[in-house]
Amino acid sequence: MSRTIELIAGLVLLGIGVLVLASEPLIDFVRGLGIGDDVLRWWPIVIIGLSLFFLVPSFVGRQHPRLRAGMAIPGAMLAGVGAALLYTSLTDRWSAWSYLWSVLPFSFGLGMYAAGWIADAPAFKWIGSGIAVGGVVAYLVFATAFGGEAFRVVAAIGIIALGLALTIGGLADRLSRKSPAA
């Protein structure tokens, strides 16, 4: 089964590489079809969609938990980067990347935490939560220095996401423990 996933991942990466190389002629072709810039601003949806290639099997797959756990990390990173790119593309606030880069360590940390939860690896949960907190702290520092109104909204969403991840992980750990027989 892992060879099949490896083959599919390789084909997806090849496809992405070809798309990147052909991006200018492809955009000209799409504009020639009458599709406007308002629709083209939604291009990061493709990256978010690619994240589902990793996230869905990691949470609902029948493979070994360690294989599924390994898919959660790139899935979380693609979802985080895709969401940040979608925000900047729709709002045309590309200068926000002066602090939105912190979505990378945050997403990586969430992915590691999810991997630890899936594979029942407490060390991954601790390391992942530490990296995610570091990403949030970096975001808060750099958004305070370079951000504006977007800082408040994205910071709140990031903090809520981290809180949800830690709460769900803590509850899942407590619920999975069996009470001793009396």
N, C-alpha and C. Protein backbone atom coordinates (compact mmCIF):
# COMPACT_ATOMS: atom_id res chain seq x y z
N MET A 1 0.81 -1.19 0.00
CA MET A 1 0.00 0.00 0.00
C MET A 1 0.86 1.26 0.00
N SER A 2 2.00 1.26 0.71
CA SER A 2 2.84 2.45 0.78
C SER A 2 3.45 2.76 -0.59
N ARG A 3 3.72 1.75 -1.42
CA ARG A 3 4.24 1.99 -2.77
C ARG A 3 3.20 2.71 -3.62
N THR A 4 1.94 2.39 -3.44
CA THR A 4 0.87 3.06 -4.18
C THR A 4 0.81 4.53 -3.79
N ILE A 5 0.90 4.80 -2.50
CA ILE A 5 0.88 6.19 -2.03
C ILE A 5 2.10 6.93 -2.55
N GLU A 6 3.25 6.26 -2.53
CA GLU A 6 4.47 6.87 -3.04
C GLU A 6 4.33 7.20 -4.53
N LEU A 7 3.74 6.30 -5.29
CA LEU A 7 3.53 6.52 -6.72
C LEU A 7 2.58 7.69 -6.94
N ILE A 8 1.48 7.73 -6.21
CA ILE A 8 0.50 8.80 -6.36
C ILE A 8 1.13 10.14 -5.97
N ALA A 9 1.86 10.16 -4.86
CA ALA A 9 2.51 11.41 -4.43
C ALA A 9 3.52 11.88 -5.48
N GLY A 10 4.27 10.94 -6.06
CA GLY A 10 5.22 11.30 -7.11
C GLY A 10 4.52 11.88 -8.33
N LEU A 11 3.41 11.27 -8.73
CA LEU A 11 2.66 11.77 -9.88
C LEU A 11 2.07 13.15 -9.60
N VAL A 12 1.58 13.36 -8.38
CA VAL A 12 1.05 14.67 -8.01
C VAL A 12 2.15 15.73 -8.08
N LEU A 13 3.33 15.40 -7.54
CA LEU A 13 4.44 16.35 -7.58
C LEU A 13 4.88 16.64 -9.02
N LEU A 14 4.91 15.61 -9.86
CA LEU A 14 5.24 15.83 -11.27
C LEU A 14 4.23 16.76 -11.93
N GLY A 15 2.96 16.52 -11.64
CA GLY A 15 1.92 17.38 -12.19
C GLY A 15 2.06 18.83 -11.73
N ILE A 16 2.37 19.02 -10.46
CA ILE A 16 2.55 20.37 -9.93
C ILE A 16 3.74 21.04 -10.61
N GLY A 17 4.82 20.30 -10.77
CA GLY A 17 6.00 20.85 -11.44
C GLY A 17 5.70 21.28 -12.86
N VAL A 18 4.96 20.46 -13.60
CA VAL A 18 4.59 20.81 -14.97
C VAL A 18 3.70 22.04 -14.98
N LEU A 19 2.76 22.11 -14.04
CA LEU A 19 1.89 23.29 -13.95
C LEU A 19 2.68 24.56 -13.65
N VAL A 20 3.66 24.45 -12.78
CA VAL A 20 4.48 25.62 -12.46
C VAL A 20 5.26 26.07 -13.70
N LEU A 21 5.84 25.11 -14.42
CA LEU A 21 6.59 25.46 -15.63
C LEU A 21 5.69 26.08 -16.70
N ALA A 22 4.46 25.61 -16.79
CA ALA A 22 3.55 26.09 -17.82
C ALA A 22 2.58 27.15 -17.30
N SER A 23 2.88 27.77 -16.17
CA SER A 23 1.92 28.67 -15.54
C SER A 23 1.59 29.90 -16.38
N GLU A 24 2.58 30.53 -16.97
CA GLU A 24 2.30 31.74 -17.77
C GLU A 24 1.43 31.43 -18.98
N PRO A 25 1.81 30.45 -19.83
CA PRO A 25 0.92 30.15 -20.96
C PRO A 25 -0.46 29.65 -20.51
N LEU A 26 -0.51 28.96 -19.39
CA LEU A 26 -1.79 28.47 -18.87
C LEU A 26 -2.68 29.63 -18.44
N ILE A 27 -2.10 30.62 -17.77
CA ILE A 27 -2.88 31.79 -17.35
C ILE A 27 -3.37 32.56 -18.57
N ASP A 28 -2.51 32.71 -19.57
CA ASP A 28 -2.94 33.39 -20.80
C ASP A 28 -4.08 32.63 -21.47
N PHE A 29 -4.00 31.31 -21.47
CA PHE A 29 -5.06 30.49 -22.06
C PHE A 29 -6.37 30.66 -21.30
N VAL A 30 -6.30 30.64 -19.96
CA VAL A 30 -7.50 30.78 -19.14
C VAL A 30 -8.12 32.16 -19.33
N ARG A 31 -7.28 33.20 -19.39
CA ARG A 31 -7.80 34.55 -19.63
C ARG A 31 -8.44 34.63 -21.01
N GLY A 32 -7.89 33.90 -21.98
CA GLY A 32 -8.46 33.87 -23.32
C GLY A 32 -9.84 33.23 -23.35
N LEU A 33 -10.13 32.38 -22.35
CA LEU A 33 -11.46 31.77 -22.26
C LEU A 33 -12.49 32.72 -21.66
N GLY A 34 -12.03 33.88 -21.23
CA GLY A 34 -12.94 34.85 -20.66
C GLY A 34 -13.07 34.77 -19.15
N ILE A 35 -12.18 34.03 -18.50
CA ILE A 35 -12.21 33.93 -17.04
C ILE A 35 -11.43 35.12 -16.49
N GLY A 36 -12.07 35.89 -15.66
CA GLY A 36 -11.49 37.13 -15.16
C GLY A 36 -10.56 36.93 -13.97
N ASP A 37 -9.92 38.04 -13.62
CA ASP A 37 -8.99 38.01 -12.49
C ASP A 37 -9.69 37.73 -11.16
N ASP A 38 -10.97 38.08 -11.05
CA ASP A 38 -11.69 37.79 -9.80
C ASP A 38 -11.77 36.30 -9.53
N VAL A 39 -11.91 35.50 -10.57
CA VAL A 39 -11.95 34.05 -10.41
C VAL A 39 -10.53 33.51 -10.19
N LEU A 40 -9.56 34.08 -10.89
CA LEU A 40 -8.18 33.60 -10.77
C LEU A 40 -7.59 33.87 -9.39
N ARG A 41 -8.15 34.77 -8.63
CA ARG A 41 -7.66 35.04 -7.27
C ARG A 41 -7.88 33.85 -6.34
N TRP A 42 -8.74 32.94 -6.72
CA TRP A 42 -9.05 31.78 -5.89
C TRP A 42 -8.09 30.62 -6.12
N TRP A 43 -6.97 30.85 -6.80
CA TRP A 43 -6.06 29.76 -7.13
C TRP A 43 -5.54 28.99 -5.91
N PRO A 44 -5.37 29.60 -4.72
CA PRO A 44 -4.88 28.81 -3.58
C PRO A 44 -5.81 27.67 -3.15
N ILE A 45 -7.04 27.67 -3.64
CA ILE A 45 -7.96 26.56 -3.34
C ILE A 45 -7.33 25.24 -3.83
N VAL A 46 -6.53 25.32 -4.89
CA VAL A 46 -5.86 24.12 -5.41
C VAL A 46 -4.93 23.54 -4.34
N ILE A 47 -4.20 24.40 -3.65
CA ILE A 47 -3.27 23.95 -2.61
C ILE A 47 -4.04 23.36 -1.43
N ILE A 48 -5.13 24.02 -1.06
CA ILE A 48 -5.96 23.49 0.03
C ILE A 48 -6.54 22.14 -0.38
N GLY A 49 -6.95 22.02 -1.64
CA GLY A 49 -7.46 20.73 -2.14
C GLY A 49 -6.39 19.65 -2.09
N LEU A 50 -5.14 20.02 -2.42
CA LEU A 50 -4.04 19.04 -2.34
C LEU A 50 -3.81 18.59 -0.90
N SER A 51 -4.07 19.48 0.04
CA SER A 51 -3.88 19.08 1.44
C SER A 51 -4.83 17.95 1.82
N LEU A 52 -6.00 17.93 1.18
CA LEU A 52 -6.95 16.86 1.47
C LEU A 52 -6.44 15.50 1.02
N PHE A 53 -5.56 15.48 0.00
CA PHE A 53 -4.93 14.24 -0.45
C PHE A 53 -4.17 13.58 0.71
N PHE A 54 -3.65 14.39 1.61
CA PHE A 54 -2.91 13.87 2.76
C PHE A 54 -3.79 13.76 4.01
N LEU A 55 -4.63 14.75 4.24
CA LEU A 55 -5.39 14.80 5.49
C LEU A 55 -6.49 13.75 5.58
N VAL A 56 -7.23 13.55 4.51
CA VAL A 56 -8.34 12.59 4.56
C VAL A 56 -7.84 11.18 4.89
N PRO A 57 -6.84 10.64 4.15
CA PRO A 57 -6.37 9.29 4.52
C PRO A 57 -5.73 9.23 5.90
N SER A 58 -5.15 10.35 6.36
CA SER A 58 -4.50 10.30 7.67
C SER A 58 -5.51 10.15 8.80
N PHE A 59 -6.72 10.66 8.60
CA PHE A 59 -7.71 10.58 9.67
C PHE A 59 -8.73 9.47 9.48
N VAL A 60 -9.00 9.05 8.25
CA VAL A 60 -10.02 8.02 8.02
C VAL A 60 -9.49 6.80 7.29
N GLY A 61 -8.20 6.75 7.03
CA GLY A 61 -7.64 5.62 6.30
C GLY A 61 -7.58 4.35 7.12
N ARG A 62 -7.38 3.24 6.42
CA ARG A 62 -7.28 1.94 7.10
C ARG A 62 -5.83 1.47 7.19
N GLN A 63 -4.89 2.29 6.76
CA GLN A 63 -3.49 1.91 6.80
C GLN A 63 -2.99 1.89 8.25
N HIS A 64 -1.75 1.45 8.39
CA HIS A 64 -1.11 1.41 9.69
C HIS A 64 -1.07 2.84 10.27
N PRO A 65 -1.30 2.99 11.57
CA PRO A 65 -1.33 4.34 12.16
C PRO A 65 -0.07 5.17 11.90
N ARG A 66 1.10 4.54 11.85
CA ARG A 66 2.32 5.33 11.61
C ARG A 66 2.36 5.88 10.19
N LEU A 67 1.87 5.13 9.23
CA LEU A 67 1.79 5.63 7.86
C LEU A 67 0.80 6.78 7.78
N ARG A 68 -0.34 6.61 8.42
CA ARG A 68 -1.35 7.68 8.43
C ARG A 68 -0.82 8.91 9.13
N ALA A 69 -0.09 8.71 10.21
CA ALA A 69 0.46 9.84 10.97
C ALA A 69 1.44 10.64 10.11
N GLY A 70 2.22 9.97 9.31
CA GLY A 70 3.18 10.67 8.45
C GLY A 70 2.51 11.53 7.40
N MET A 71 1.29 11.21 7.05
CA MET A 71 0.57 12.00 6.05
C MET A 71 -0.05 13.26 6.65
N ALA A 72 -0.21 13.29 7.96
CA ALA A 72 -0.84 14.45 8.60
C ALA A 72 0.06 15.68 8.54
N ILE A 73 1.36 15.50 8.59
CA ILE A 73 2.28 16.65 8.63
C ILE A 73 2.26 17.43 7.31
N PRO A 74 2.50 16.79 6.15
CA PRO A 74 2.43 17.60 4.92
C PRO A 74 1.02 18.11 4.64
N GLY A 75 0.01 17.36 5.04
CA GLY A 75 -1.36 17.82 4.84
C GLY A 75 -1.64 19.10 5.62
N ALA A 76 -1.20 19.13 6.87
CA ALA A 76 -1.41 20.33 7.69
C ALA A 76 -0.63 21.52 7.13
N MET A 77 0.58 21.26 6.65
CA MET A 77 1.37 22.36 6.10
C MET A 77 0.74 22.91 4.82
N LEU A 78 0.28 22.03 3.94
CA LEU A 78 -0.37 22.50 2.72
C LEU A 78 -1.65 23.27 3.03
N ALA A 79 -2.42 22.79 4.00
CA ALA A 79 -3.65 23.48 4.37
C ALA A 79 -3.35 24.86 4.95
N GLY A 80 -2.36 24.95 5.82
CA GLY A 80 -2.01 26.24 6.42
C GLY A 80 -1.49 27.24 5.40
N VAL A 81 -0.56 26.79 4.57
CA VAL A 81 -0.01 27.68 3.55
C VAL A 81 -1.08 28.06 2.54
N GLY A 82 -1.92 27.09 2.15
CA GLY A 82 -3.00 27.38 1.21
C GLY A 82 -3.97 28.40 1.77
N ALA A 83 -4.31 28.28 3.04
CA ALA A 83 -5.22 29.25 3.66
C ALA A 83 -4.59 30.64 3.71
N ALA A 84 -3.31 30.72 4.06
CA ALA A 84 -2.64 32.02 4.09
C ALA A 84 -2.53 32.63 2.69
N LEU A 85 -2.22 31.79 1.70
CA LEU A 85 -2.17 32.29 0.33
C LEU A 85 -3.55 32.73 -0.16
N LEU A 86 -4.58 32.01 0.21
CA LEU A 86 -5.93 32.39 -0.19
C LEU A 86 -6.29 33.75 0.41
N TYR A 87 -5.96 33.94 1.66
CA TYR A 87 -6.21 35.23 2.31
C TYR A 87 -5.50 36.35 1.58
N THR A 88 -4.21 36.18 1.32
CA THR A 88 -3.46 37.26 0.68
C THR A 88 -3.87 37.45 -0.77
N SER A 89 -4.26 36.40 -1.45
CA SER A 89 -4.69 36.52 -2.83
C SER A 89 -6.03 37.25 -2.94
N LEU A 90 -6.96 36.93 -2.05
CA LEU A 90 -8.28 37.56 -2.10
C LEU A 90 -8.26 39.02 -1.64
N THR A 91 -7.41 39.33 -0.67
CA THR A 91 -7.35 40.69 -0.13
C THR A 91 -6.28 41.53 -0.80
N ASP A 92 -5.42 40.90 -1.61
CA ASP A 92 -4.31 41.57 -2.28
C ASP A 92 -3.39 42.27 -1.28
N ARG A 93 -3.20 41.63 -0.15
CA ARG A 93 -2.32 42.16 0.91
C ARG A 93 -1.07 41.29 1.01
N TRP A 94 -0.29 41.26 -0.05
CA TRP A 94 0.89 40.40 -0.08
C TRP A 94 1.95 40.84 0.91
N SER A 95 1.88 42.08 1.36
CA SER A 95 2.84 42.54 2.38
C SER A 95 2.61 41.83 3.72
N ALA A 96 1.45 41.20 3.88
CA ALA A 96 1.16 40.47 5.11
C ALA A 96 2.10 39.29 5.32
N TRP A 97 2.81 38.88 4.26
CA TRP A 97 3.75 37.77 4.42
C TRP A 97 4.94 38.14 5.29
N SER A 98 5.05 39.42 5.67
CA SER A 98 6.09 39.80 6.62
C SER A 98 5.86 39.15 7.98
N TYR A 99 4.63 38.72 8.23
CA TYR A 99 4.34 37.97 9.45
C TYR A 99 3.59 36.67 9.19
N LEU A 100 2.98 36.52 8.02
CA LEU A 100 2.24 35.27 7.74
C LEU A 100 3.16 34.08 7.49
N TRP A 101 4.45 34.32 7.31
CA TRP A 101 5.38 33.20 7.14
C TRP A 101 5.32 32.27 8.36
N SER A 102 4.90 32.81 9.49
CA SER A 102 4.84 32.01 10.71
C SER A 102 3.78 30.91 10.63
N VAL A 103 2.97 30.92 9.56
CA VAL A 103 2.01 29.84 9.37
C VAL A 103 2.75 28.52 9.10
N LEU A 104 3.97 28.59 8.59
CA LEU A 104 4.74 27.37 8.32
C LEU A 104 5.08 26.61 9.61
N PRO A 105 5.74 27.23 10.59
CA PRO A 105 5.99 26.45 11.81
C PRO A 105 4.70 26.09 12.55
N PHE A 106 3.70 26.97 12.51
CA PHE A 106 2.44 26.67 13.16
C PHE A 106 1.79 25.44 12.53
N SER A 107 1.71 25.40 11.20
CA SER A 107 1.10 24.27 10.51
C SER A 107 1.91 22.99 10.72
N PHE A 108 3.23 23.12 10.69
CA PHE A 108 4.08 21.96 10.94
C PHE A 108 3.84 21.41 12.34
N GLY A 109 3.73 22.32 13.31
CA GLY A 109 3.46 21.89 14.69
C GLY A 109 2.12 21.20 14.83
N LEU A 110 1.08 21.75 14.18
CA LEU A 110 -0.23 21.09 14.22
C LEU A 110 -0.17 19.72 13.55
N GLY A 111 0.58 19.64 12.45
CA GLY A 111 0.73 18.35 11.78
C GLY A 111 1.44 17.33 12.66
N MET A 112 2.48 17.78 13.36
CA MET A 112 3.19 16.86 14.27
C MET A 112 2.29 16.44 15.42
N TYR A 113 1.51 17.38 15.93
CA TYR A 113 0.59 17.04 17.01
C TYR A 113 -0.43 16.01 16.54
N ALA A 114 -0.98 16.25 15.35
CA ALA A 114 -1.95 15.29 14.80
C ALA A 114 -1.29 13.94 14.57
N ALA A 115 -0.05 13.94 14.09
CA ALA A 115 0.67 12.69 13.88
C ALA A 115 0.86 11.95 15.20
N GLY A 116 1.18 12.68 16.25
CA GLY A 116 1.32 12.06 17.56
C GLY A 116 0.02 11.50 18.08
N TRP A 117 -1.06 12.19 17.78
CA TRP A 117 -2.38 11.73 18.20
C TRP A 117 -2.77 10.47 17.44
N ILE A 118 -2.53 10.46 16.13
CA ILE A 118 -2.89 9.30 15.30
C ILE A 118 -2.07 8.07 15.67
N ALA A 119 -0.76 8.27 15.84
CA ALA A 119 0.15 7.14 16.10
C ALA A 119 0.33 6.86 17.58
N ASP A 120 -0.38 7.59 18.43
CA ASP A 120 -0.24 7.44 19.87
C ASP A 120 1.22 7.59 20.30
N ALA A 121 1.80 8.72 19.87
CA ALA A 121 3.19 9.03 20.18
C ALA A 121 3.22 10.35 20.97
N PRO A 122 3.25 10.26 22.30
CA PRO A 122 3.21 11.48 23.13
C PRO A 122 4.33 12.47 22.82
N ALA A 123 5.51 11.98 22.45
CA ALA A 123 6.61 12.90 22.14
C ALA A 123 6.26 13.79 20.95
N PHE A 124 5.61 13.24 19.95
CA PHE A 124 5.21 14.03 18.79
C PHE A 124 4.21 15.11 19.20
N LYS A 125 3.31 14.74 20.13
CA LYS A 125 2.33 15.73 20.59
C LYS A 125 3.03 16.88 21.31
N TRP A 126 3.97 16.57 22.17
CA TRP A 126 4.68 17.61 22.90
C TRP A 126 5.50 18.48 21.96
N ILE A 127 6.25 17.85 21.08
CA ILE A 127 7.09 18.61 20.15
C ILE A 127 6.20 19.44 19.22
N GLY A 128 5.15 18.82 18.70
CA GLY A 128 4.25 19.54 17.80
C GLY A 128 3.59 20.73 18.46
N SER A 129 3.12 20.54 19.69
CA SER A 129 2.48 21.67 20.37
C SER A 129 3.49 22.78 20.66
N GLY A 130 4.72 22.40 20.97
CA GLY A 130 5.76 23.42 21.20
C GLY A 130 6.08 24.21 19.94
N ILE A 131 6.18 23.52 18.81
CA ILE A 131 6.45 24.19 17.54
C ILE A 131 5.27 25.09 17.15
N ALA A 132 4.05 24.60 17.35
CA ALA A 132 2.86 25.40 17.03
C ALA A 132 2.81 26.65 17.90
N VAL A 133 3.09 26.50 19.17
CA VAL A 133 3.12 27.67 20.06
C VAL A 133 4.20 28.65 19.61
N GLY A 134 5.36 28.11 19.21
CA GLY A 134 6.42 28.97 18.69
C GLY A 134 5.97 29.74 17.46
N GLY A 135 5.21 29.07 16.58
CA GLY A 135 4.68 29.75 15.39
C GLY A 135 3.71 30.85 15.76
N VAL A 136 2.86 30.59 16.77
CA VAL A 136 1.92 31.61 17.22
C VAL A 136 2.66 32.79 17.83
N VAL A 137 3.67 32.51 18.63
CA VAL A 137 4.46 33.59 19.24
C VAL A 137 5.16 34.41 18.16
N ALA A 138 5.75 33.72 17.18
CA ALA A 138 6.41 34.44 16.08
C ALA A 138 5.40 35.30 15.33
N TYR A 139 4.22 34.75 15.10
CA TYR A 139 3.17 35.52 14.42
C TYR A 139 2.82 36.77 15.23
N LEU A 140 2.60 36.60 16.52
CA LEU A 140 2.21 37.72 17.36
C LEU A 140 3.29 38.81 17.37
N VAL A 141 4.54 38.39 17.45
CA VAL A 141 5.64 39.36 17.47
C VAL A 141 5.72 40.10 16.15
N PHE A 142 5.75 39.36 15.03
CA PHE A 142 5.93 40.00 13.73
C PHE A 142 4.66 40.73 13.27
N ALA A 143 3.50 40.23 13.62
CA ALA A 143 2.27 40.92 13.25
C ALA A 143 2.12 42.21 14.03
N THR A 144 2.57 42.20 15.27
CA THR A 144 2.54 43.42 16.05
C THR A 144 3.48 44.46 15.44
N ALA A 145 4.63 44.00 14.97
CA ALA A 145 5.60 44.92 14.38
C ALA A 145 5.20 45.39 13.00
N PHE A 146 4.63 44.50 12.16
CA PHE A 146 4.38 44.84 10.76
C PHE A 146 2.91 44.81 10.35
N GLY A 147 2.03 44.33 11.21
CA GLY A 147 0.65 44.08 10.80
C GLY A 147 -0.28 45.24 11.06
N GLY A 148 -1.52 45.02 10.73
CA GLY A 148 -2.58 46.00 10.93
C GLY A 148 -3.81 45.30 11.47
N GLU A 149 -4.96 45.62 10.89
CA GLU A 149 -6.23 45.03 11.31
C GLU A 149 -6.26 43.53 11.08
N ALA A 150 -5.60 43.08 10.01
CA ALA A 150 -5.57 41.64 9.73
C ALA A 150 -4.92 40.87 10.87
N PHE A 151 -4.03 41.52 11.57
CA PHE A 151 -3.36 40.87 12.70
C PHE A 151 -4.37 40.34 13.71
N ARG A 152 -5.32 41.16 14.06
CA ARG A 152 -6.28 40.76 15.09
C ARG A 152 -7.08 39.53 14.67
N VAL A 153 -7.56 39.51 13.44
CA VAL A 153 -8.40 38.41 12.97
C VAL A 153 -7.61 37.12 12.84
N VAL A 154 -6.48 37.18 12.15
CA VAL A 154 -5.70 35.97 11.91
C VAL A 154 -5.09 35.46 13.22
N ALA A 155 -4.69 36.36 14.10
CA ALA A 155 -4.15 35.93 15.40
C ALA A 155 -5.20 35.19 16.20
N ALA A 156 -6.42 35.72 16.20
CA ALA A 156 -7.50 35.06 16.94
C ALA A 156 -7.78 33.68 16.38
N ILE A 157 -7.82 33.54 15.04
CA ILE A 157 -8.07 32.24 14.42
C ILE A 157 -6.94 31.26 14.75
N GLY A 158 -5.71 31.73 14.71
CA GLY A 158 -4.57 30.88 15.04
C GLY A 158 -4.60 30.39 16.48
N ILE A 159 -4.92 31.28 17.39
CA ILE A 159 -4.98 30.91 18.80
C ILE A 159 -6.13 29.93 19.05
N ILE A 160 -7.27 30.17 18.40
CA ILE A 160 -8.41 29.26 18.53
C ILE A 160 -8.05 27.88 17.98
N ALA A 161 -7.38 27.83 16.83
CA ALA A 161 -6.99 26.55 16.23
C ALA A 161 -6.04 25.79 17.15
N LEU A 162 -5.07 26.49 17.72
CA LEU A 162 -4.15 25.83 18.65
C LEU A 162 -4.90 25.32 19.88
N GLY A 163 -5.79 26.15 20.41
CA GLY A 163 -6.56 25.73 21.57
C GLY A 163 -7.43 24.52 21.28
N LEU A 164 -8.06 24.51 20.09
CA LEU A 164 -8.87 23.35 19.71
C LEU A 164 -8.02 22.09 19.57
N ALA A 165 -6.86 22.24 18.93
CA ALA A 165 -5.99 21.07 18.74
C ALA A 165 -5.56 20.49 20.09
N LEU A 166 -5.15 21.35 21.00
CA LEU A 166 -4.71 20.87 22.30
C LEU A 166 -5.87 20.29 23.12
N THR A 167 -7.04 20.93 23.04
CA THR A 167 -8.20 20.43 23.77
C THR A 167 -8.64 19.07 23.25
N ILE A 168 -8.75 18.96 21.93
CA ILE A 168 -9.17 17.68 21.34
C ILE A 168 -8.17 16.58 21.66
N GLY A 169 -6.89 16.91 21.56
CA GLY A 169 -5.87 15.91 21.91
C GLY A 169 -5.94 15.50 23.36
N GLY A 170 -6.15 16.46 24.24
CA GLY A 170 -6.25 16.14 25.66
C GLY A 170 -7.48 15.31 25.98
N LEU A 171 -8.60 15.65 25.35
CA LEU A 171 -9.83 14.88 25.57
C LEU A 171 -9.70 13.48 25.00
N ALA A 172 -9.13 13.37 23.81
CA ALA A 172 -8.98 12.05 23.19
C ALA A 172 -8.09 11.16 24.04
N ASP A 173 -7.05 11.74 24.62
CA ASP A 173 -6.16 10.95 25.46
C ASP A 173 -6.89 10.47 26.71
N ARG A 174 -7.67 11.33 27.31
CA ARG A 174 -8.41 10.95 28.52
C ARG A 174 -9.50 9.93 28.21
N LEU A 175 -10.19 10.09 27.08
CA LEU A 175 -11.26 9.17 26.74
C LEU A 175 -10.74 7.80 26.34
N SER A 176 -9.50 7.75 25.83
CA SER A 176 -8.96 6.47 25.38
C SER A 176 -8.45 5.62 26.54
N ARG A 177 -8.23 6.23 27.69
CA ARG A 177 -7.77 5.46 28.85
C ARG A 177 -8.92 4.62 29.39
N LYS A 178 -8.62 3.43 29.75
CA LYS A 178 -9.65 2.55 30.32
C LYS A 178 -9.57 2.63 31.84
N SER A 179 -10.72 2.70 32.44
CA SER A 179 -10.74 2.73 33.90
C SER A 179 -10.44 1.33 34.43
N PRO A 180 -9.74 1.24 35.53
CA PRO A 180 -9.41 -0.08 36.08
C PRO A 180 -10.68 -0.78 36.55
N ALA A 181 -10.67 -2.09 36.39
CA ALA A 181 -11.81 -2.91 36.80
C ALA A 181 -11.88 -2.94 38.33
N ALA A 182 -13.08 -2.81 38.85
CA ALA A 182 -13.24 -2.77 40.32
C ALA A 182 -13.35 -4.15 40.90
